[in-house]
Protein backbone atom coordinates (compact mmCIF):
# COMPACT_ATOMS: atom_id res chain seq x y z
CA MET A 1 -2.65 10.75 0.25
CA ALA A 2 0.76 9.14 0.27
CA ARG A 3 2.08 6.81 -2.41
CA ILE A 4 3.01 3.28 -1.36
CA GLU A 5 6.60 3.78 -2.51
CA ASP A 6 6.89 6.83 -0.23
CA VAL A 7 5.51 4.88 2.74
CA ALA A 8 7.93 2.02 2.02
CA ALA A 9 10.85 4.45 1.68
CA TYR A 10 9.92 6.02 5.01
CA VAL A 11 9.75 2.61 6.72
CA LEU A 12 13.17 1.68 5.33
CA ASP A 13 14.57 5.08 6.29
CA GLN A 14 13.36 4.61 9.87
CA ARG A 15 14.20 0.91 10.29
CA GLY A 16 17.15 0.31 8.03
CA PRO A 17 17.53 -2.93 6.09
CA ILE A 18 14.64 -5.37 6.52
CA THR A 19 13.21 -8.27 4.57
CA ALA A 20 10.75 -7.62 1.78
CA MET A 21 8.16 -9.65 3.65
CA LYS A 22 8.52 -7.53 6.78
CA LEU A 23 8.26 -4.34 4.72
CA GLN A 24 5.04 -5.64 3.16
CA LYS A 25 3.48 -6.38 6.54
CA LEU A 26 4.54 -3.07 8.11
CA CYS A 27 3.05 -1.15 5.17
CA TYR A 28 -0.12 -3.24 5.47
CA TYR A 29 -0.46 -2.36 9.15
CA ALA A 30 0.24 1.31 8.41
CA GLN A 31 -2.66 1.24 5.95
CA ALA A 32 -4.91 -0.56 8.44
CA TRP A 33 -4.28 1.80 11.31
CA ASN A 34 -4.49 4.92 9.15
CA LEU A 35 -7.97 3.74 8.15
CA VAL A 36 -8.90 3.66 11.84
CA TRP A 37 -7.12 6.76 13.12
CA GLU A 38 -7.59 9.07 10.14
CA ASP A 39 -10.70 7.43 8.63
CA GLN A 40 -9.04 7.32 5.21
CA PRO A 41 -6.48 5.20 3.36
CA LEU A 42 -2.81 6.05 3.79
CA PHE A 43 -2.11 5.03 0.19
CA ASP A 44 -4.08 3.91 -2.84
CA ALA A 45 -2.78 0.46 -3.74
CA ARG A 46 -4.39 -2.96 -3.90
CA ILE A 47 -3.64 -5.41 -1.10
CA GLU A 48 -4.01 -9.11 -1.81
CA ALA A 49 -4.31 -12.05 0.59
CA TRP A 50 -1.35 -14.18 -0.48
CA ALA A 51 -0.34 -17.41 1.25
CA ASN A 52 2.29 -15.61 3.38
CA GLY A 53 -0.11 -12.85 4.37
CA PRO A 54 -1.12 -9.50 2.90
CA VAL A 55 0.88 -8.26 -0.09
CA ILE A 56 0.67 -4.82 -1.65
CA THR A 57 1.05 -5.71 -5.30
CA ASP A 58 2.47 -2.34 -6.44
CA LEU A 59 5.16 -2.60 -3.77
CA TYR A 60 5.84 -6.23 -4.67
CA ARG A 61 6.56 -5.20 -8.26
CA MET A 62 9.21 -2.79 -6.94
CA HIS A 63 11.10 -5.37 -4.88
CA ARG A 64 10.35 -8.64 -6.68
CA GLY A 65 13.32 -10.97 -6.48
CA CYS A 66 14.88 -9.17 -3.49
CA PHE A 67 14.94 -10.74 -0.05
CA ASN A 68 16.47 -7.87 1.92
CA LEU A 69 15.74 -4.23 1.21
CA ASP A 70 17.45 -1.00 2.14
CA ALA A 71 16.43 2.64 1.71
CA GLY A 72 17.97 2.87 -1.78
CA ASP A 73 16.07 -0.17 -3.06
CA ILE A 74 12.69 1.60 -3.26
CA THR A 75 12.29 4.67 -5.46
CA GLY A 76 9.96 6.49 -3.07
CA ASP A 77 10.51 9.73 -1.20
CA ALA A 78 10.36 9.34 2.59
CA ASP A 79 10.09 13.12 2.95
CA ALA A 80 6.86 13.20 0.93
CA LEU A 81 4.78 11.95 3.87
CA THR A 82 2.80 14.54 5.82
CA PRO A 83 3.39 14.86 9.58
CA GLU A 84 0.11 12.98 10.19
CA GLU A 85 1.14 10.16 7.85
CA ARG A 86 4.52 9.90 9.56
CA GLU A 87 2.81 9.78 12.94
CA THR A 88 0.73 6.79 11.83
CA VAL A 89 3.73 4.95 10.36
CA ASP A 90 5.83 5.73 13.44
CA ALA A 91 3.14 4.30 15.73
CA VAL A 92 2.97 1.14 13.60
CA LEU A 93 6.76 0.81 13.65
CA ASP A 94 6.82 1.26 17.43
CA PHE A 95 4.25 -1.49 17.93
CA TYR A 96 5.02 -3.97 15.14
CA GLY A 97 8.60 -3.11 14.20
CA GLY A 98 10.23 -5.44 16.71
CA MET A 99 8.45 -8.48 15.28
CA THR A 100 10.04 -10.71 12.67
CA ALA A 101 8.57 -11.09 9.20
CA HIS A 102 7.25 -14.53 10.15
CA GLN A 103 5.67 -13.25 13.36
CA LEU A 104 3.93 -10.52 11.37
CA SER A 105 2.79 -13.03 8.77
CA ASP A 106 1.44 -15.34 11.48
CA LEU A 107 -0.37 -12.41 13.07
CA THR A 108 -2.09 -11.45 9.82
CA HIS A 109 -3.14 -15.09 9.35
CA ARG A 110 -5.04 -14.91 12.63
CA GLU A 111 -6.90 -11.74 11.65
CA ASP A 112 -10.23 -11.47 9.83
CA PRO A 113 -9.26 -9.38 6.78
CA TRP A 114 -6.78 -11.96 5.45
CA GLN A 115 -8.92 -14.93 6.46
CA GLN A 116 -12.13 -13.53 4.98
CA ALA A 117 -10.51 -12.55 1.68
CA ARG A 118 -9.11 -16.04 1.25
CA GLU A 119 -12.30 -17.78 2.36
CA SER A 120 -14.47 -15.70 0.01
CA ALA A 121 -12.16 -16.70 -2.87
CA GLY A 122 -12.29 -20.39 -1.88
CA LEU A 123 -8.58 -20.50 -1.05
CA SER A 124 -7.05 -22.76 1.57
CA PRO A 125 -4.30 -21.19 3.71
CA MET A 126 -1.42 -22.20 1.40
CA ASP A 127 -3.13 -21.85 -2.00
CA ARG A 128 -1.84 -19.22 -4.39
CA GLY A 129 -4.39 -16.54 -5.07
CA THR A 130 -5.03 -12.86 -5.64
CA ALA A 131 -8.06 -12.25 -3.44
CA GLU A 132 -8.28 -8.60 -2.44
CA ILE A 133 -8.25 -7.45 1.16
CA THR A 134 -10.53 -4.44 0.99
CA THR A 135 -10.05 -1.25 2.93
CA ALA A 136 -13.60 -1.70 4.22
CA ALA A 137 -12.71 -5.10 5.73
CA MET A 138 -9.52 -3.67 7.21
CA HIS A 139 -11.29 -0.64 8.67
CA GLU A 140 -14.03 -2.74 10.24
CA PHE A 141 -11.66 -5.26 11.84
CA TYR A 142 -9.01 -2.86 13.17
CA LEU A 143 -11.65 -0.40 14.39
CA THR A 144 -13.09 -3.26 16.44
CA LEU A 145 -9.61 -3.90 17.89
CA ALA A 146 -9.12 -0.21 18.71
CA THR A 147 -12.54 0.01 20.32
CA ALA A 148 -11.89 -3.09 22.43
CA GLU A 149 -8.61 -1.60 23.69
CA THR A 150 -10.28 1.61 24.86
CA GLU A 151 -13.07 -0.13 26.77
């Protein structure tokens, strides 16, 4: 299993400088789709349903206070990912990488994992909170999307 800092370093290595918010959302989607395609988490890190969408708290601690990030800003090792892990991240970057941070945030707000985590914690859309988005909720929702696309 990859470490979140290695996934983030790989994303930055592939995409170049991006905002911290966009990095968060791309790593979130990499986790989601790895759960569907590989039936296991890509990394072991808590994801919370913050007001601006999913946030991986371990990754947030690494970039807190930074708006834009580049490959040298995260201490991970992009080369540590297995070929299968890279394949997942590459597919996510191909599909989601052209979207802005705000488009990605808006997309996550329309999806069940973020909505359900916030609703179960009694949070309105803009409330601060630390409700967890579970891997089970992510797997269930994105598997449903994948199944709908193949039908």
